[in-house]
Amino acid sequence: NLPLNGVTAVTLYTVPVGKTCILDKLQVVASADMGAT
């Protein structure tokens, strides 16, 4: 869940021990208007 109704930082992911990570994209499915976020 990614709340967009307040100014905040939200943890999305923590890279697992023993791994490295390269991010590709983030997709967000709106449950209401998020047009000015």
PDB file of all heavy atoms in Angstrom:
ATOM      1  N   ASN A   1       0.836  -1.198   0.000  1.00  0.00           N
ATOM      2  CA  ASN A   1       0.000   0.000   0.000  1.00  0.00           C
ATOM      3  C   ASN A   1       0.876   1.254   0.000  1.00  0.00           C
ATOM      4  O   ASN A   1       1.842   1.340   0.743  1.00  0.00           O
ATOM      5  CB  ASN A   1      -0.904   0.005   1.237  1.00  0.00           C
ATOM      6  CG  ASN A   1      -1.814   1.206   1.255  1.00  0.00           C
ATOM      7  OD1 ASN A   1      -2.541   1.452   0.302  1.00  0.00           O
ATOM      8  ND2 ASN A   1      -1.771   1.968   2.331  1.00  0.00           N
ATOM      9  N   LEU A   2       0.516   2.212  -0.861  1.00  0.00           N
ATOM     10  CA  LEU A   2       1.225   3.482  -0.920  1.00  0.00           C
ATOM     11  C   LEU A   2       0.219   4.609  -0.694  1.00  0.00           C
ATOM     12  O   LEU A   2      -0.507   5.002  -1.605  1.00  0.00           O
ATOM     13  CB  LEU A   2       1.914   3.651  -2.279  1.00  0.00           C
ATOM     14  CG  LEU A   2       2.697   4.950  -2.493  1.00  0.00           C
ATOM     15  CD1 LEU A   2       3.783   5.128  -1.434  1.00  0.00           C
ATOM     16  CD2 LEU A   2       3.305   4.956  -3.883  1.00  0.00           C
ATOM     17  N   PRO A   3       0.137   5.117   0.539  1.00  0.00           N
ATOM     18  CA  PRO A   3      -0.794   6.215   0.807  1.00  0.00           C
ATOM     19  C   PRO A   3      -0.318   7.507   0.147  1.00  0.00           C
ATOM     20  O   PRO A   3       0.851   7.869   0.254  1.00  0.00           O
ATOM     21  CB  PRO A   3      -0.789   6.335   2.329  1.00  0.00           C
ATOM     22  CG  PRO A   3       0.391   5.592   2.818  1.00  0.00           C
ATOM     23  CD  PRO A   3       0.853   4.679   1.729  1.00  0.00           C
ATOM     24  N   LEU A   4      -1.240   8.174  -0.520  1.00  0.00           N
ATOM     25  CA  LEU A   4      -0.907   9.419  -1.209  1.00  0.00           C
ATOM     26  C   LEU A   4      -1.675  10.600  -0.638  1.00  0.00           C
ATOM     27  O   LEU A   4      -1.693  11.674  -1.228  1.00  0.00           O
ATOM     28  CB  LEU A   4      -1.212   9.275  -2.712  1.00  0.00           C
ATOM     29  CG  LEU A   4      -0.450   8.170  -3.426  1.00  0.00           C
ATOM     30  CD1 LEU A   4      -0.929   8.029  -4.862  1.00  0.00           C
ATOM     31  CD2 LEU A   4       1.045   8.404  -3.365  1.00  0.00           C
ATOM     32  N   ASN A   5      -2.282  10.403   0.510  1.00  0.00           N
ATOM     33  CA  ASN A   5      -3.115  11.459   1.100  1.00  0.00           C
ATOM     34  C   ASN A   5      -2.374  12.295   2.138  1.00  0.00           C
ATOM     35  O   ASN A   5      -2.984  13.102   2.818  1.00  0.00           O
ATOM     36  CB  ASN A   5      -4.368  10.847   1.718  1.00  0.00           C
ATOM     37  CG  ASN A   5      -4.053   9.880   2.839  1.00  0.00           C
ATOM     38  OD1 ASN A   5      -2.966   9.313   2.891  1.00  0.00           O
ATOM     39  ND2 ASN A   5      -5.007   9.677   3.723  1.00  0.00           N
ATOM     40  N   GLY A   6      -1.081  12.126   2.248  1.00  0.00           N
ATOM     41  CA  GLY A   6      -0.289  12.917   3.184  1.00  0.00           C
ATOM     42  C   GLY A   6       1.153  12.990   2.723  1.00  0.00           C
ATOM     43  O   GLY A   6       1.621  12.134   1.977  1.00  0.00           O
ATOM     44  N   VAL A   7       1.866  14.022   3.151  1.00  0.00           N
ATOM     45  CA  VAL A   7       3.279  14.179   2.829  1.00  0.00           C
ATOM     46  C   VAL A   7       4.058  13.272   3.772  1.00  0.00           C
ATOM     47  O   VAL A   7       4.082  13.496   4.981  1.00  0.00           O
ATOM     48  CB  VAL A   7       3.712  15.651   2.967  1.00  0.00           C
ATOM     49  CG1 VAL A   7       5.207  15.807   2.751  1.00  0.00           C
ATOM     50  CG2 VAL A   7       2.922  16.516   1.997  1.00  0.00           C
ATOM     51  N   THR A   8       4.678  12.230   3.199  1.00  0.00           N
ATOM     52  CA  THR A   8       5.348  11.228   4.012  1.00  0.00           C
ATOM     53  C   THR A   8       6.310  10.403   3.180  1.00  0.00           C
ATOM     54  O   THR A   8       6.232  10.404   1.950  1.00  0.00           O
ATOM     55  CB  THR A   8       4.310  10.285   4.671  1.00  0.00           C
ATOM     56  OG1 THR A   8       4.974   9.405   5.568  1.00  0.00           O
ATOM     57  CG2 THR A   8       3.556   9.474   3.631  1.00  0.00           C
ATOM     58  N   ALA A   9       7.225   9.705   3.829  1.00  0.00           N
ATOM     59  CA  ALA A   9       8.095   8.730   3.167  1.00  0.00           C
ATOM     60  C   ALA A   9       7.597   7.335   3.534  1.00  0.00           C
ATOM     61  O   ALA A   9       7.287   7.069   4.699  1.00  0.00           O
ATOM     62  CB  ALA A   9       9.540   8.904   3.601  1.00  0.00           C
ATOM     63  N   VAL A  10       7.495   6.472   2.543  1.00  0.00           N
ATOM     64  CA  VAL A  10       6.962   5.119   2.734  1.00  0.00           C
ATOM     65  C   VAL A  10       8.008   4.107   2.264  1.00  0.00           C
ATOM     66  O   VAL A  10       8.484   4.194   1.124  1.00  0.00           O
ATOM     67  CB  VAL A  10       5.663   4.923   1.925  1.00  0.00           C
ATOM     68  CG1 VAL A  10       5.150   3.502   2.058  1.00  0.00           C
ATOM     69  CG2 VAL A  10       4.607   5.923   2.361  1.00  0.00           C
ATOM     70  N   THR A  11       8.367   3.170   3.120  1.00  0.00           N
ATOM     71  CA  THR A  11       9.310   2.129   2.733  1.00  0.00           C
ATOM     72  C   THR A  11       8.643   1.174   1.755  1.00  0.00           C
ATOM     73  O   THR A  11       7.579   0.626   2.040  1.00  0.00           O
ATOM     74  CB  THR A  11       9.823   1.364   3.963  1.00  0.00           C
ATOM     75  OG1 THR A  11      10.553   2.285   4.790  1.00  0.00           O
ATOM     76  CG2 THR A  11      10.725   0.207   3.568  1.00  0.00           C
ATOM     77  N   LEU A  12       9.290   0.982   0.597  1.00  0.00           N
ATOM     78  CA  LEU A  12       8.780   0.088  -0.432  1.00  0.00           C
ATOM     79  C   LEU A  12       9.478  -1.267  -0.407  1.00  0.00           C
ATOM     80  O   LEU A  12       8.862  -2.295  -0.670  1.00  0.00           O
ATOM     81  CB  LEU A  12       8.973   0.705  -1.820  1.00  0.00           C
ATOM     82  CG  LEU A  12       8.376   2.083  -2.073  1.00  0.00           C
ATOM     83  CD1 LEU A  12       8.748   2.565  -3.472  1.00  0.00           C
ATOM     84  CD2 LEU A  12       6.872   2.050  -1.873  1.00  0.00           C
ATOM     85  N   TYR A  13      10.788  -1.266  -0.103  1.00  0.00           N
ATOM     86  CA  TYR A  13      11.574  -2.491  -0.259  1.00  0.00           C
ATOM     87  C   TYR A  13      12.890  -2.349   0.481  1.00  0.00           C
ATOM     88  O   TYR A  13      13.462  -1.254   0.545  1.00  0.00           O
ATOM     89  CB  TYR A  13      11.856  -2.720  -1.752  1.00  0.00           C
ATOM     90  CG  TYR A  13      12.606  -3.968  -2.094  1.00  0.00           C
ATOM     91  CD1 TYR A  13      12.033  -5.220  -1.936  1.00  0.00           C
ATOM     92  CD2 TYR A  13      13.899  -3.907  -2.609  1.00  0.00           C
ATOM     93  CE1 TYR A  13      12.726  -6.374  -2.279  1.00  0.00           C
ATOM     94  CE2 TYR A  13      14.595  -5.052  -2.953  1.00  0.00           C
ATOM     95  CZ  TYR A  13      14.003  -6.281  -2.785  1.00  0.00           C
ATOM     96  OH  TYR A  13      14.676  -7.433  -3.126  1.00  0.00           O
ATOM     97  N   THR A  14      13.377  -3.454   1.017  1.00  0.00           N
ATOM     98  CA  THR A  14      14.719  -3.524   1.593  1.00  0.00           C
ATOM     99  C   THR A  14      15.473  -4.618   0.856  1.00  0.00           C
ATOM    100  O   THR A  14      14.991  -5.757   0.754  1.00  0.00           O
ATOM    101  CB  THR A  14      14.669  -3.836   3.098  1.00  0.00           C
ATOM    102  OG1 THR A  14      13.892  -2.813   3.754  1.00  0.00           O
ATOM    103  CG2 THR A  14      16.052  -3.881   3.697  1.00  0.00           C
ATOM    104  N   VAL A  15      16.638  -4.294   0.319  1.00  0.00           N
ATOM    105  CA  VAL A  15      17.428  -5.266  -0.437  1.00  0.00           C
ATOM    106  C   VAL A  15      17.850  -6.396   0.513  1.00  0.00           C
ATOM    107  O   VAL A  15      18.393  -6.136   1.588  1.00  0.00           O
ATOM    108  CB  VAL A  15      18.661  -4.597  -1.076  1.00  0.00           C
ATOM    109  CG1 VAL A  15      19.481  -5.617  -1.863  1.00  0.00           C
ATOM    110  CG2 VAL A  15      18.242  -3.431  -1.966  1.00  0.00           C
ATOM    111  N   PRO A  16      17.593  -7.660   0.129  1.00  0.00           N
ATOM    112  CA  PRO A  16      17.914  -8.792   1.005  1.00  0.00           C
ATOM    113  C   PRO A  16      19.422  -8.938   1.247  1.00  0.00           C
ATOM    114  O   PRO A  16      20.244  -8.559   0.398  1.00  0.00           O
ATOM    115  CB  PRO A  16      17.393 -10.013   0.236  1.00  0.00           C
ATOM    116  CG  PRO A  16      16.462  -9.487  -0.793  1.00  0.00           C
ATOM    117  CD  PRO A  16      16.914  -8.087  -1.094  1.00  0.00           C
ATOM    118  N   VAL A  17      19.755  -9.529   2.376  1.00  0.00           N
ATOM    119  CA  VAL A  17      21.148  -9.822   2.726  1.00  0.00           C
ATOM    120  C   VAL A  17      21.748 -10.713   1.643  1.00  0.00           C
ATOM    121  O   VAL A  17      21.103 -11.639   1.150  1.00  0.00           O
ATOM    122  CB  VAL A  17      21.213 -10.526   4.102  1.00  0.00           C
ATOM    123  CG1 VAL A  17      22.628 -10.996   4.410  1.00  0.00           C
ATOM    124  CG2 VAL A  17      20.709  -9.587   5.185  1.00  0.00           C
ATOM    125  N   GLY A  18      22.958 -10.411   1.242  1.00  0.00           N
ATOM    126  CA  GLY A  18      23.663 -11.216   0.247  1.00  0.00           C
ATOM    127  C   GLY A  18      23.289 -10.902  -1.191  1.00  0.00           C
ATOM    128  O   GLY A  18      23.720 -11.589  -2.108  1.00  0.00           O
ATOM    129  N   LYS A  19      22.470  -9.868  -1.411  1.00  0.00           N
ATOM    130  CA  LYS A  19      22.009  -9.516  -2.757  1.00  0.00           C
ATOM    131  C   LYS A  19      22.332  -8.064  -3.079  1.00  0.00           C
ATOM    132  O   LYS A  19      22.592  -7.253  -2.195  1.00  0.00           O
ATOM    133  CB  LYS A  19      20.491  -9.702  -2.886  1.00  0.00           C
ATOM    134  CG  LYS A  19      20.003 -11.095  -2.606  1.00  0.00           C
ATOM    135  CD  LYS A  19      20.444 -12.055  -3.674  1.00  0.00           C
ATOM    136  CE  LYS A  19      19.911 -13.447  -3.398  1.00  0.00           C
ATOM    137  NZ  LYS A  19      20.428 -14.411  -4.362  1.00  0.00           N
ATOM    138  N   THR A  20      22.314  -7.743  -4.356  1.00  0.00           N
ATOM    139  CA  THR A  20      22.303  -6.374  -4.828  1.00  0.00           C
ATOM    140  C   THR A  20      21.059  -6.214  -5.694  1.00  0.00           C
ATOM    141  O   THR A  20      20.494  -7.197  -6.164  1.00  0.00           O
ATOM    142  CB  THR A  20      23.558  -6.021  -5.656  1.00  0.00           C
ATOM    143  OG1 THR A  20      23.609  -6.875  -6.801  1.00  0.00           O
ATOM    144  CG2 THR A  20      24.823  -6.157  -4.837  1.00  0.00           C
ATOM    145  N   CYS A  21      20.645  -4.977  -5.899  1.00  0.00           N
ATOM    146  CA  CYS A  21      19.392  -4.723  -6.602  1.00  0.00           C
ATOM    147  C   CYS A  21      19.551  -3.530  -7.533  1.00  0.00           C
ATOM    148  O   CYS A  21      20.190  -2.536  -7.177  1.00  0.00           O
ATOM    149  CB  CYS A  21      18.309  -4.437  -5.559  1.00  0.00           C
ATOM    150  SG  CYS A  21      16.761  -3.877  -6.240  1.00  0.00           S
ATOM    151  N   ILE A  22      18.963  -3.634  -8.719  1.00  0.00           N
ATOM    152  CA  ILE A  22      18.848  -2.505  -9.642  1.00  0.00           C
ATOM    153  C   ILE A  22      17.363  -2.324  -9.914  1.00  0.00           C
ATOM    154  O   ILE A  22      16.689  -3.248 -10.371  1.00  0.00           O
ATOM    155  CB  ILE A  22      19.610  -2.751 -10.954  1.00  0.00           C
ATOM    156  CG1 ILE A  22      21.093  -2.960 -10.678  1.00  0.00           C
ATOM    157  CG2 ILE A  22      19.387  -1.584 -11.924  1.00  0.00           C
ATOM    158  CD1 ILE A  22      21.908  -3.379 -11.885  1.00  0.00           C
ATOM    159  N   LEU A  23      16.838  -1.148  -9.600  1.00  0.00           N
ATOM    160  CA  LEU A  23      15.409  -0.886  -9.793  1.00  0.00           C
ATOM    161  C   LEU A  23      15.107  -0.629 -11.263  1.00  0.00           C
ATOM    162  O   LEU A  23      15.930  -0.089 -11.997  1.00  0.00           O
ATOM    163  CB  LEU A  23      14.975   0.322  -8.965  1.00  0.00           C
ATOM    164  CG  LEU A  23      15.120   0.176  -7.454  1.00  0.00           C
ATOM    165  CD1 LEU A  23      14.695   1.455  -6.758  1.00  0.00           C
ATOM    166  CD2 LEU A  23      14.326  -1.010  -6.947  1.00  0.00           C
ATOM    167  N   ASP A  24      13.904  -1.023 -11.681  1.00  0.00           N
ATOM    168  CA  ASP A  24      13.473  -0.837 -13.064  1.00  0.00           C
ATOM    169  C   ASP A  24      12.304   0.145 -13.171  1.00  0.00           C
ATOM    170  O   ASP A  24      12.348   1.071 -13.963  1.00  0.00           O
ATOM    171  CB  ASP A  24      13.075  -2.185 -13.672  1.00  0.00           C
ATOM    172  CG  ASP A  24      12.706  -2.061 -15.126  1.00  0.00           C
ATOM    173  OD1 ASP A  24      13.596  -1.751 -15.935  1.00  0.00           O
ATOM    174  OD2 ASP A  24      11.514  -2.256 -15.461  1.00  0.00           O
ATOM    175  N   LYS A  25      11.247  -0.074 -12.383  1.00  0.00           N
ATOM    176  CA  LYS A  25      10.073   0.801 -12.449  1.00  0.00           C
ATOM    177  C   LYS A  25       9.220   0.620 -11.206  1.00  0.00           C
ATOM    178  O   LYS A  25       9.336  -0.366 -10.484  1.00  0.00           O
ATOM    179  CB  LYS A  25       9.228   0.511 -13.684  1.00  0.00           C
ATOM    180  CG  LYS A  25       8.549  -0.847 -13.648  1.00  0.00           C
ATOM    181  CD  LYS A  25       7.798  -1.133 -14.928  1.00  0.00           C
ATOM    182  CE  LYS A  25       7.358  -2.590 -14.930  1.00  0.00           C
ATOM    183  NZ  LYS A  25       7.094  -3.088 -16.240  1.00  0.00           N
ATOM    184  N   LEU A  26       8.360   1.609 -10.994  1.00  0.00           N
ATOM    185  CA  LEU A  26       7.351   1.569  -9.944  1.00  0.00           C
ATOM    186  C   LEU A  26       6.011   1.794 -10.618  1.00  0.00           C
ATOM    187  O   LEU A  26       5.852   2.733 -11.395  1.00  0.00           O
ATOM    188  CB  LEU A  26       7.602   2.668  -8.907  1.00  0.00           C
ATOM    189  CG  LEU A  26       6.518   2.855  -7.846  1.00  0.00           C
ATOM    190  CD1 LEU A  26       6.471   1.654  -6.904  1.00  0.00           C
ATOM    191  CD2 LEU A  26       6.751   4.138  -7.065  1.00  0.00           C
ATOM    192  N   GLN A  27       5.043   0.919 -10.344  1.00  0.00           N
ATOM    193  CA  GLN A  27       3.682   1.117 -10.831  1.00  0.00           C
ATOM    194  C   GLN A  27       2.782   1.340  -9.630  1.00  0.00           C
ATOM    195  O   GLN A  27       2.912   0.657  -8.621  1.00  0.00           O
ATOM    196  CB  GLN A  27       3.200  -0.095 -11.628  1.00  0.00           C
ATOM    197  CG  GLN A  27       3.956  -0.262 -12.926  1.00  0.00           C
ATOM    198  CD  GLN A  27       3.466  -1.436 -13.740  1.00  0.00           C
ATOM    199  OE1 GLN A  27       2.991  -2.422 -13.223  1.00  0.00           O
ATOM    200  NE2 GLN A  27       3.592  -1.319 -15.050  1.00  0.00           N
ATOM    201  N   VAL A  28       1.881   2.326  -9.754  1.00  0.00           N
ATOM    202  CA  VAL A  28       0.937   2.637  -8.686  1.00  0.00           C
ATOM    203  C   VAL A  28      -0.466   2.576  -9.277  1.00  0.00           C
ATOM    204  O   VAL A  28      -0.759   3.251 -10.261  1.00  0.00           O
ATOM    205  CB  VAL A  28       1.192   4.032  -8.076  1.00  0.00           C
ATOM    206  CG1 VAL A  28       0.211   4.301  -6.935  1.00  0.00           C
ATOM    207  CG2 VAL A  28       2.631   4.160  -7.586  1.00  0.00           C
ATOM    208  N   VAL A  29      -1.314   1.743  -8.669  1.00  0.00           N
ATOM    209  CA  VAL A  29      -2.715   1.632  -9.087  1.00  0.00           C
ATOM    210  C   VAL A  29      -3.538   2.491  -8.137  1.00  0.00           C
ATOM    211  O   VAL A  29      -3.561   2.252  -6.923  1.00  0.00           O
ATOM    212  CB  VAL A  29      -3.200   0.169  -9.048  1.00  0.00           C
ATOM    213  CG1 VAL A  29      -4.652   0.079  -9.496  1.00  0.00           C
ATOM    214  CG2 VAL A  29      -2.306  -0.717  -9.903  1.00  0.00           C
ATOM    215  N   ALA A  30      -4.217   3.491  -8.697  1.00  0.00           N
ATOM    216  CA  ALA A  30      -4.972   4.453  -7.894  1.00  0.00           C
ATOM    217  C   ALA A  30      -6.273   3.850  -7.394  1.00  0.00           C
ATOM    218  O   ALA A  30      -6.945   3.119  -8.109  1.00  0.00           O
ATOM    219  CB  ALA A  30      -5.275   5.693  -8.715  1.00  0.00           C
ATOM    220  N   SER A  31      -6.628   4.193  -6.162  1.00  0.00           N
ATOM    221  CA  SER A  31      -7.956   3.842  -5.657  1.00  0.00           C
ATOM    222  C   SER A  31      -8.885   5.056  -5.730  1.00  0.00           C
ATOM    223  O   SER A  31     -10.070   4.946  -5.468  1.00  0.00           O
ATOM    224  CB  SER A  31      -7.876   3.305  -4.228  1.00  0.00           C
ATOM    225  OG  SER A  31      -7.358   4.281  -3.364  1.00  0.00           O
ATOM    226  N   ALA A  32      -8.322   6.215  -6.102  1.00  0.00           N
ATOM    227  CA  ALA A  32      -9.073   7.464  -6.289  1.00  0.00           C
ATOM    228  C   ALA A  32      -8.169   8.403  -7.090  1.00  0.00           C
ATOM    229  O   ALA A  32      -7.038   8.044  -7.433  1.00  0.00           O
ATOM    230  CB  ALA A  32      -9.449   8.085  -4.954  1.00  0.00           C
ATOM    231  N   ASP A  33      -8.639   9.605  -7.350  1.00  0.00           N
ATOM    232  CA  ASP A  33      -7.849  10.590  -8.090  1.00  0.00           C
ATOM    233  C   ASP A  33      -6.513  10.832  -7.397  1.00  0.00           C
ATOM    234  O   ASP A  33      -6.462  11.137  -6.215  1.00  0.00           O
ATOM    235  CB  ASP A  33      -8.653  11.899  -8.173  1.00  0.00           C
ATOM    236  CG  ASP A  33      -7.941  12.975  -8.964  1.00  0.00           C
ATOM    237  OD1 ASP A  33      -6.828  12.738  -9.462  1.00  0.00           O
ATOM    238  OD2 ASP A  33      -8.510  14.067  -9.075  1.00  0.00           O
ATOM    239  N   MET A  34      -5.415  10.655  -8.121  1.00  0.00           N
ATOM    240  CA  MET A  34      -4.090  10.969  -7.593  1.00  0.00           C
ATOM    241  C   MET A  34      -3.374  11.927  -8.539  1.00  0.00           C
ATOM    242  O   MET A  34      -2.165  12.041  -8.547  1.00  0.00           O
ATOM    243  CB  MET A  34      -3.270   9.696  -7.355  1.00  0.00           C
ATOM    244  CG  MET A  34      -2.936   8.864  -8.564  1.00  0.00           C
ATOM    245  SD  MET A  34      -1.910   7.448  -8.083  1.00  0.00           S
ATOM    246  CE  MET A  34      -1.787   6.593  -9.645  1.00  0.00           C
ATOM    247  N   GLY A  35      -4.145  12.658  -9.334  1.00  0.00           N
ATOM    248  CA  GLY A  35      -3.633  13.458 -10.431  1.00  0.00           C
ATOM    249  C   GLY A  35      -2.679  14.579 -10.104  1.00  0.00           C
ATOM    250  O   GLY A  35      -1.947  15.012 -10.969  1.00  0.00           O
ATOM    251  N   ALA A  36      -2.625  15.078  -8.899  1.00  0.00           N
ATOM    252  CA  ALA A  36      -1.690  16.155  -8.571  1.00  0.00           C
ATOM    253  C   ALA A  36      -0.602  15.694  -7.611  1.00  0.00           C
ATOM    254  O   ALA A  36       0.190  16.498  -7.122  1.00  0.00           O
ATOM    255  CB  ALA A  36      -2.443  17.334  -7.969  1.00  0.00           C
ATOM    256  N   THR A  37      -0.536  14.399  -7.358  1.00  0.00           N
ATOM    257  CA  THR A  37       0.475  13.858  -6.455  1.00  0.00           C
ATOM    258  C   THR A  37       1.873  14.049  -7.046  1.00  0.00           C
ATOM    259  O   THR A  37       2.078  13.853  -8.237  1.00  0.00           O
ATOM    260  CB  THR A  37       0.234  12.351  -6.220  1.00  0.00           C
ATOM    261  OG1 THR A  37      -1.040  12.181  -5.622  1.00  0.00           O
ATOM    262  CG2 THR A  37       1.297  11.741  -5.336  1.00  0.00           C
TER     263      THR A  37
END
